[in-house]
Amino acid sequence: MRHLACRTLLAAGLLGAAPAHADSTPPASLAQSAVSAYEAGRLDEAARLFERAARAGNRLAQFNLAMMMFRKETAAPEPDAGWRWLRRAAGAGLAQAQYNFALLYDRGSGVAKSLPTAAEWYRRAAEQGHTEAQVSLATMYYVGHGMGRDFAAAARWYLAAARAGHAGAQYIVASMYEAGDGLPADLRQAEHWYAQAALQGDAAARAKYEALQDRPREEER
């Protein structure tokens, strides 16, 4: 939770923005001005603008205001103010907010640790294509973190992240195909996914790929 949402995410967040009421300035414009102020180092101004946009219903502003509070870049009026703004952004469907909200409960950071709550919010973000959420949810299934082990469910989410280009997920998918864990044993698929991870600089994946390339081809018959 170290980075302010980027401009690309800002554009996505505006889809869920509600119209302003008391303030005649559109929430989207307020949020954009807040991003500019933040990038220029004017944190007090950024926080004020994010709060105005957040109160008008802009979910990205809600998320960014929460992040500023968590990072102590602006004062929180109440101890749980950061949590409340993050919860609003997550509830409004912002995938990054859902992922960060899950992290709070996964780690017990400022809240009572709750793995079922973490899994639910990882799932919501994962269903929107958030790659890190997909990996986190897959790992919970794979190792039985707060739930029963389910290799098939783990494979589903690792595959989603692998197809999105996540090198770590590509390696794990390859190993699952190689061992037949949660996926049908398939050395050609294992070779393919090790190769994909290797192309991203994963040395272990390259070694596995080369080992599969050198195997006797009679194994496939």
Protein backbone atom coordinates (compact mmCIF):
# COMPACT_ATOMS: atom_id res chain seq x y z
CA MET A 1 0.00 0.00 0.00
CA ARG A 2 2.91 2.30 -0.74
CA HIS A 3 1.91 4.00 -3.93
CA LEU A 4 -0.68 6.57 -4.80
CA ALA A 5 -3.07 5.32 -7.44
CA CYS A 6 -1.78 6.11 -10.90
CA ARG A 7 -3.54 8.22 -13.50
CA THR A 8 -4.69 5.10 -15.36
CA LEU A 9 -6.40 3.84 -12.22
CA LEU A 10 -7.85 7.30 -11.74
CA ALA A 11 -9.62 7.06 -15.07
CA ALA A 12 -11.01 3.66 -14.13
CA GLY A 13 -12.15 4.91 -10.75
CA LEU A 14 -14.14 7.74 -12.27
CA LEU A 15 -16.58 5.25 -13.73
CA GLY A 16 -17.94 4.72 -10.26
CA ALA A 17 -18.01 8.35 -9.20
CA ALA A 18 -21.25 9.90 -8.05
CA PRO A 19 -22.21 13.46 -8.95
CA ALA A 20 -21.31 16.24 -6.57
CA HIS A 21 -24.03 17.79 -4.48
CA ALA A 22 -23.02 20.65 -2.20
CA ASP A 23 -19.86 21.29 -4.23
CA SER A 24 -20.43 22.38 -7.83
CA THR A 25 -16.98 21.15 -8.90
CA PRO A 26 -17.27 17.69 -10.45
CA PRO A 27 -15.71 14.98 -8.25
CA ALA A 28 -13.61 13.83 -11.21
CA SER A 29 -12.03 17.28 -11.51
CA LEU A 30 -11.41 17.45 -7.77
CA ALA A 31 -9.73 14.03 -7.83
CA GLN A 32 -7.57 15.02 -10.80
CA SER A 33 -6.51 18.24 -9.08
CA ALA A 34 -5.73 16.24 -5.95
CA VAL A 35 -3.47 13.87 -7.91
CA SER A 36 -1.63 16.86 -9.40
CA ALA A 37 -1.19 18.43 -5.96
CA TYR A 38 0.07 15.14 -4.53
CA GLU A 39 2.59 14.66 -7.30
CA ALA A 40 3.82 18.22 -6.71
CA GLY A 41 4.32 17.47 -3.02
CA ARG A 42 1.45 19.66 -1.80
CA LEU A 43 0.09 17.01 0.54
CA ASP A 44 -2.25 19.20 2.58
CA GLU A 45 -3.92 20.50 -0.56
CA ALA A 46 -4.11 16.99 -2.00
CA ALA A 47 -5.75 15.65 1.15
CA ARG A 48 -8.36 18.45 1.16
CA LEU A 49 -9.23 17.85 -2.48
CA PHE A 50 -9.33 14.07 -2.09
CA GLU A 51 -11.68 14.48 0.87
CA ARG A 52 -14.04 16.75 -1.10
CA ALA A 53 -14.12 14.28 -3.98
CA ALA A 54 -14.44 11.34 -1.60
CA ARG A 55 -17.43 12.85 0.17
CA ALA A 56 -19.02 13.39 -3.25
CA GLY A 57 -18.70 9.67 -3.91
CA ASN A 58 -15.54 9.37 -6.01
CA ARG A 59 -14.19 5.94 -5.11
CA LEU A 60 -10.63 6.59 -6.25
CA ALA A 61 -10.48 9.70 -4.06
CA GLN A 62 -11.77 7.59 -1.17
CA PHE A 63 -8.97 5.11 -1.79
CA ASN A 64 -6.24 7.73 -2.11
CA LEU A 65 -7.42 9.59 0.99
CA ALA A 66 -7.32 6.34 2.93
CA MET A 67 -3.79 5.63 1.69
CA MET A 68 -2.63 9.07 2.75
CA MET A 69 -4.04 8.44 6.21
CA PHE A 70 -2.41 5.02 6.49
CA ARG A 71 0.92 6.51 5.43
CA LYS A 72 0.56 9.36 7.94
CA GLU A 73 0.69 11.88 5.09
CA THR A 74 -2.41 13.55 6.46
CA ALA A 75 -4.06 13.52 9.85
CA ALA A 76 -6.96 11.15 10.40
CA PRO A 77 -9.83 12.84 12.26
CA GLU A 78 -10.72 9.53 13.94
CA PRO A 79 -8.53 6.46 14.54
CA ASP A 80 -10.49 4.36 12.05
CA ALA A 81 -10.94 7.04 9.37
CA GLY A 82 -8.47 5.40 6.99
CA TRP A 83 -10.22 2.05 7.41
CA ARG A 84 -13.63 3.63 6.74
CA TRP A 85 -12.56 5.39 3.54
CA LEU A 86 -10.83 2.25 2.30
CA ARG A 87 -13.94 0.22 3.11
CA ARG A 88 -16.09 2.65 1.14
CA ALA A 89 -13.83 2.47 -1.90
CA ALA A 90 -13.74 -1.33 -1.69
CA GLY A 91 -17.50 -1.51 -1.32
CA ALA A 92 -17.85 0.75 -4.36
CA GLY A 93 -16.01 -1.88 -6.40
CA LEU A 94 -12.50 -0.45 -6.79
CA ALA A 95 -10.33 -3.55 -7.21
CA GLN A 96 -7.16 -2.03 -5.76
CA ALA A 97 -9.10 -0.93 -2.67
CA GLN A 98 -10.56 -4.42 -2.32
CA TYR A 99 -7.07 -5.92 -2.48
CA ASN A 100 -5.66 -3.48 0.08
CA PHE A 101 -8.66 -4.05 2.34
CA ALA A 102 -8.02 -7.80 2.15
CA LEU A 103 -4.38 -7.23 3.11
CA LEU A 104 -5.45 -5.52 6.34
CA TYR A 105 -7.35 -8.62 7.46
CA ASP A 106 -4.78 -11.07 6.10
CA ARG A 107 -2.03 -9.41 8.15
CA GLY A 108 -4.12 -8.18 11.07
CA SER A 109 -2.86 -4.67 10.34
CA GLY A 110 -4.87 -2.29 12.51
CA VAL A 111 -7.79 -4.74 12.58
CA ALA A 112 -8.48 -8.11 14.12
CA LYS A 113 -6.92 -10.71 11.82
CA SER A 114 -9.64 -12.52 9.84
CA LEU A 115 -8.62 -14.87 7.06
CA PRO A 116 -12.22 -15.47 5.89
CA THR A 117 -12.66 -11.70 5.50
CA ALA A 118 -9.34 -11.46 3.67
CA ALA A 119 -10.33 -14.30 1.33
CA GLU A 120 -13.66 -12.66 0.51
CA TRP A 121 -12.08 -9.35 -0.46
CA TYR A 122 -9.26 -11.04 -2.37
CA ARG A 123 -11.97 -12.91 -4.27
CA ARG A 124 -13.83 -9.72 -5.16
CA ALA A 125 -10.67 -8.12 -6.49
CA ALA A 126 -9.57 -11.33 -8.22
CA GLU A 127 -12.87 -11.56 -10.07
CA GLN A 128 -12.15 -8.11 -11.49
CA GLY A 129 -8.78 -9.28 -12.82
CA HIS A 130 -6.53 -7.93 -10.05
CA THR A 131 -3.47 -10.14 -10.53
CA GLU A 132 -1.97 -9.87 -7.04
CA ALA A 133 -5.36 -10.66 -5.52
CA GLN A 134 -5.60 -13.72 -7.76
CA VAL A 135 -2.21 -14.91 -6.55
CA SER A 136 -3.03 -14.21 -2.91
CA LEU A 137 -6.33 -16.07 -3.12
CA ALA A 138 -4.71 -18.96 -4.99
CA THR A 139 -2.04 -19.23 -2.32
CA MET A 140 -4.64 -19.36 0.44
CA TYR A 141 -6.22 -22.34 -1.32
CA TYR A 142 -2.88 -23.94 -2.15
CA VAL A 143 -1.43 -23.94 1.38
CA GLY A 144 -4.72 -24.06 3.31
CA HIS A 145 -4.27 -20.59 4.77
CA GLY A 146 -7.48 -20.04 6.73
CA MET A 147 -9.37 -22.62 4.69
CA GLY A 148 -9.16 -26.21 3.57
CA ARG A 149 -6.56 -26.96 0.92
CA ASP A 150 -8.09 -26.98 -2.55
CA PHE A 151 -5.61 -27.50 -5.38
CA ALA A 152 -8.27 -27.17 -8.07
CA ALA A 153 -9.37 -23.74 -6.77
CA ALA A 154 -5.73 -22.73 -6.40
CA ALA A 155 -5.04 -23.76 -9.99
CA ARG A 156 -7.97 -21.70 -11.25
CA TRP A 157 -6.63 -18.49 -9.77
CA TYR A 158 -2.96 -19.19 -10.44
CA LEU A 159 -3.89 -19.80 -14.07
CA ALA A 160 -5.73 -16.49 -14.24
CA ALA A 161 -2.68 -14.66 -12.91
CA ALA A 162 -0.32 -16.64 -15.14
CA ARG A 163 -2.32 -15.72 -18.23
CA ALA A 164 -2.08 -12.08 -17.14
CA GLY A 165 1.71 -12.38 -17.13
CA HIS A 166 2.55 -12.96 -13.46
CA ALA A 167 5.89 -14.82 -13.52
CA GLY A 168 5.51 -16.40 -10.09
CA ALA A 169 2.08 -17.74 -10.99
CA GLN A 170 3.46 -19.06 -14.29
CA TYR A 171 6.10 -21.06 -12.41
CA ILE A 172 3.56 -22.49 -9.98
CA VAL A 173 1.15 -23.42 -12.77
CA ALA A 174 4.01 -25.19 -14.55
CA SER A 175 4.84 -27.14 -11.40
CA MET A 176 1.18 -28.08 -10.92
CA TYR A 177 1.00 -29.42 -14.48
CA GLU A 178 4.27 -31.26 -13.94
CA ALA A 179 3.09 -32.92 -10.74
CA GLY A 180 -0.59 -33.23 -11.61
CA ASP A 181 -1.63 -31.21 -8.56
CA GLY A 182 -4.97 -29.50 -9.17
CA LEU A 183 -4.39 -29.78 -12.91
CA PRO A 184 -4.06 -32.85 -15.14
CA ALA A 185 -0.46 -34.00 -15.43
CA ASP A 186 0.76 -32.53 -18.71
CA LEU A 187 4.47 -32.11 -19.36
CA ARG A 188 3.92 -30.07 -22.50
CA GLN A 189 1.85 -27.54 -20.52
CA ALA A 190 4.47 -27.58 -17.77
CA GLU A 191 7.15 -26.87 -20.34
CA HIS A 192 5.10 -24.01 -21.81
CA TRP A 193 4.56 -22.25 -18.49
CA TYR A 194 8.14 -22.73 -17.32
CA ALA A 195 9.18 -21.12 -20.61
CA GLN A 196 6.85 -18.18 -20.02
CA ALA A 197 8.32 -17.58 -16.56
CA ALA A 198 11.84 -18.03 -17.91
CA LEU A 199 11.25 -15.34 -20.51
CA GLN A 200 10.62 -12.94 -17.62
CA GLY A 201 13.99 -13.73 -16.09
CA ASP A 202 13.08 -16.54 -13.68
CA ALA A 203 16.29 -18.59 -13.50
CA ALA A 204 14.67 -21.52 -11.70
CA ALA A 205 11.98 -21.69 -14.38
CA ARG A 206 14.64 -21.72 -17.09
CA ALA A 207 16.40 -24.61 -15.38
CA LYS A 208 13.13 -26.55 -15.14
CA TYR A 209 12.32 -25.81 -18.76
CA GLU A 210 15.71 -27.04 -19.93
CA ALA A 211 15.38 -30.18 -17.82
CA LEU A 212 12.02 -30.96 -19.42
CA GLN A 213 13.48 -30.28 -22.85
CA ASP A 214 16.21 -32.84 -22.16
CA ARG A 215 13.87 -35.58 -20.92
CA PRO A 216 13.39 -38.73 -22.99
CA ARG A 217 10.45 -38.05 -25.30
CA GLU A 218 9.16 -41.58 -24.71
CA GLU A 219 7.68 -40.18 -21.47
CA GLU A 220 4.99 -38.42 -23.52
CA ARG A 221 3.86 -41.58 -25.32
